[in-house]
């Protein structure tokens, strides 16, 4: 949990809202992003079929700054009216970032 909290505090540039060893929460402008340590409660981890968290940022410069030190799993690509990229977080999850094309 500590590693995930540190990763997302750095990424969102915000402190964790609720810090716990099993379930921690970030408040991202009213949206709750929960981090759940399923292994600490001996819960089985089941993978979904198409859940990909997507986060929108203001512009391409902000997007490039956010991904500069991250492992990418989908390269920065122009799709319709957006720049789109996917990265791998500290726990191996894929996260999408988008920015409008201006």
Protein backbone atom coordinates (compact mmCIF):
# COMPACT_ATOMS: atom_id res chain seq x y z
CA UNK A 1 0.00 0.00 0.00
CA UNK A 2 2.83 2.38 0.87
CA UNK A 3 4.33 2.05 -2.63
CA UNK A 4 0.95 2.68 -4.33
CA UNK A 5 0.18 5.68 -2.10
CA UNK A 6 3.59 7.18 -2.83
CA UNK A 7 3.13 6.63 -6.58
CA UNK A 8 -0.29 8.30 -6.71
CA UNK A 9 0.65 11.15 -4.35
CA UNK A 10 3.46 11.95 -6.77
CA UNK A 11 1.30 11.45 -9.87
CA UNK A 12 -1.71 13.50 -8.71
CA UNK A 13 0.43 15.97 -6.72
CA UNK A 14 -2.00 15.49 -3.81
CA UNK A 15 -1.78 13.82 -0.43
CA UNK A 16 -3.81 10.69 0.15
CA UNK A 17 -7.23 11.60 1.64
CA UNK A 18 -7.73 8.43 3.75
CA UNK A 19 -4.64 6.37 4.54
CA UNK A 20 -5.05 2.75 5.63
CA UNK A 21 -3.09 -0.49 5.21
CA UNK A 22 -6.05 -2.17 3.49
CA UNK A 23 -8.05 0.59 1.75
CA UNK A 24 -6.78 4.09 1.04
CA UNK A 25 -8.59 6.86 -0.83
CA UNK A 26 -7.61 9.85 -2.95
CA UNK A 27 -10.07 12.69 -3.54
CA UNK A 28 -9.51 13.86 -7.10
CA UNK A 29 -11.77 16.89 -7.49
CA UNK A 30 -14.70 15.02 -5.95
CA UNK A 31 -13.89 11.65 -7.55
CA UNK A 32 -12.82 8.91 -5.13
CA UNK A 33 -9.91 6.77 -6.28
CA UNK A 34 -9.64 3.78 -3.95
CA UNK A 35 -6.57 1.61 -3.47
CA UNK A 36 -7.39 -1.86 -2.11
CA UNK A 37 -4.78 -4.30 -0.76
CA UNK A 38 -6.76 -7.47 -1.56
CA UNK A 39 -3.97 -9.79 -0.47
CA UNK A 40 -4.04 -8.44 3.11
CA UNK A 41 -7.58 -9.76 3.54
CA UNK A 42 -6.93 -13.00 1.62
CA UNK A 43 -9.32 -12.01 -1.15
CA UNK A 44 -8.98 -13.60 -4.58
CA UNK A 45 -7.87 -11.19 -7.29
CA UNK A 46 -10.12 -11.53 -10.33
CA UNK A 47 -9.26 -9.61 -13.48
CA UNK A 48 -12.03 -7.80 -15.33
CA UNK A 49 -12.45 -7.83 -19.06
CA UNK A 50 -12.41 -4.15 -20.01
CA UNK A 51 -11.90 -1.73 -17.11
CA UNK A 52 -9.34 0.96 -17.86
CA UNK A 53 -9.25 4.05 -15.64
CA UNK A 54 -8.89 7.15 -17.80
CA UNK A 55 -7.64 10.50 -16.55
CA UNK A 56 -7.90 13.73 -18.53
CA UNK A 57 -5.25 16.44 -18.16
CA UNK A 58 -5.27 20.04 -19.41
CA UNK A 59 -2.91 19.79 -22.38
CA UNK A 60 -0.15 17.86 -24.13
CA UNK A 61 2.64 19.49 -22.10
CA UNK A 62 1.06 18.36 -18.81
CA UNK A 63 0.52 14.87 -20.25
CA UNK A 64 4.16 14.58 -21.39
CA UNK A 65 5.37 15.77 -17.99
CA UNK A 66 3.23 13.17 -16.19
CA UNK A 67 4.54 10.24 -18.27
CA UNK A 68 8.20 11.22 -18.59
CA UNK A 69 9.45 8.66 -16.03
CA UNK A 70 6.69 6.05 -16.40
CA UNK A 71 6.60 2.72 -18.21
CA UNK A 72 4.28 3.05 -21.19
CA UNK A 73 2.11 0.17 -22.40
CA UNK A 74 0.42 2.16 -25.20
CA UNK A 75 2.43 4.90 -26.92
CA UNK A 76 1.37 8.52 -27.11
CA UNK A 77 -1.06 8.55 -30.03
CA UNK A 78 -3.40 11.08 -31.63
CA UNK A 79 -6.93 9.62 -31.57
CA UNK A 80 -9.70 11.84 -32.91
CA UNK A 81 -9.48 15.11 -30.92
CA UNK A 82 -7.27 13.78 -28.12
CA UNK A 83 -3.76 12.69 -27.31
CA UNK A 84 -3.93 9.26 -25.66
CA UNK A 85 -1.31 7.23 -23.80
CA UNK A 86 -1.37 4.34 -21.32
CA UNK A 87 1.12 3.74 -18.54
CA UNK A 88 1.73 1.05 -15.94
CA UNK A 89 1.43 2.17 -12.31
CA UNK A 90 3.52 0.95 -9.37
CA UNK A 91 1.26 -2.10 -8.91
CA UNK A 92 1.12 -3.18 -12.56
CA UNK A 93 -2.25 -1.58 -13.40
CA UNK A 94 -2.77 0.08 -16.77
CA UNK A 95 -3.99 3.69 -16.63
CA UNK A 96 -4.97 5.85 -19.61
CA UNK A 97 -4.16 9.56 -19.84
CA UNK A 98 -5.78 11.87 -22.37
CA UNK A 99 -5.32 15.51 -23.33
CA UNK A 100 -7.27 17.55 -25.86
CA UNK A 101 -5.58 18.44 -29.13
CA UNK A 102 -5.45 22.22 -29.42
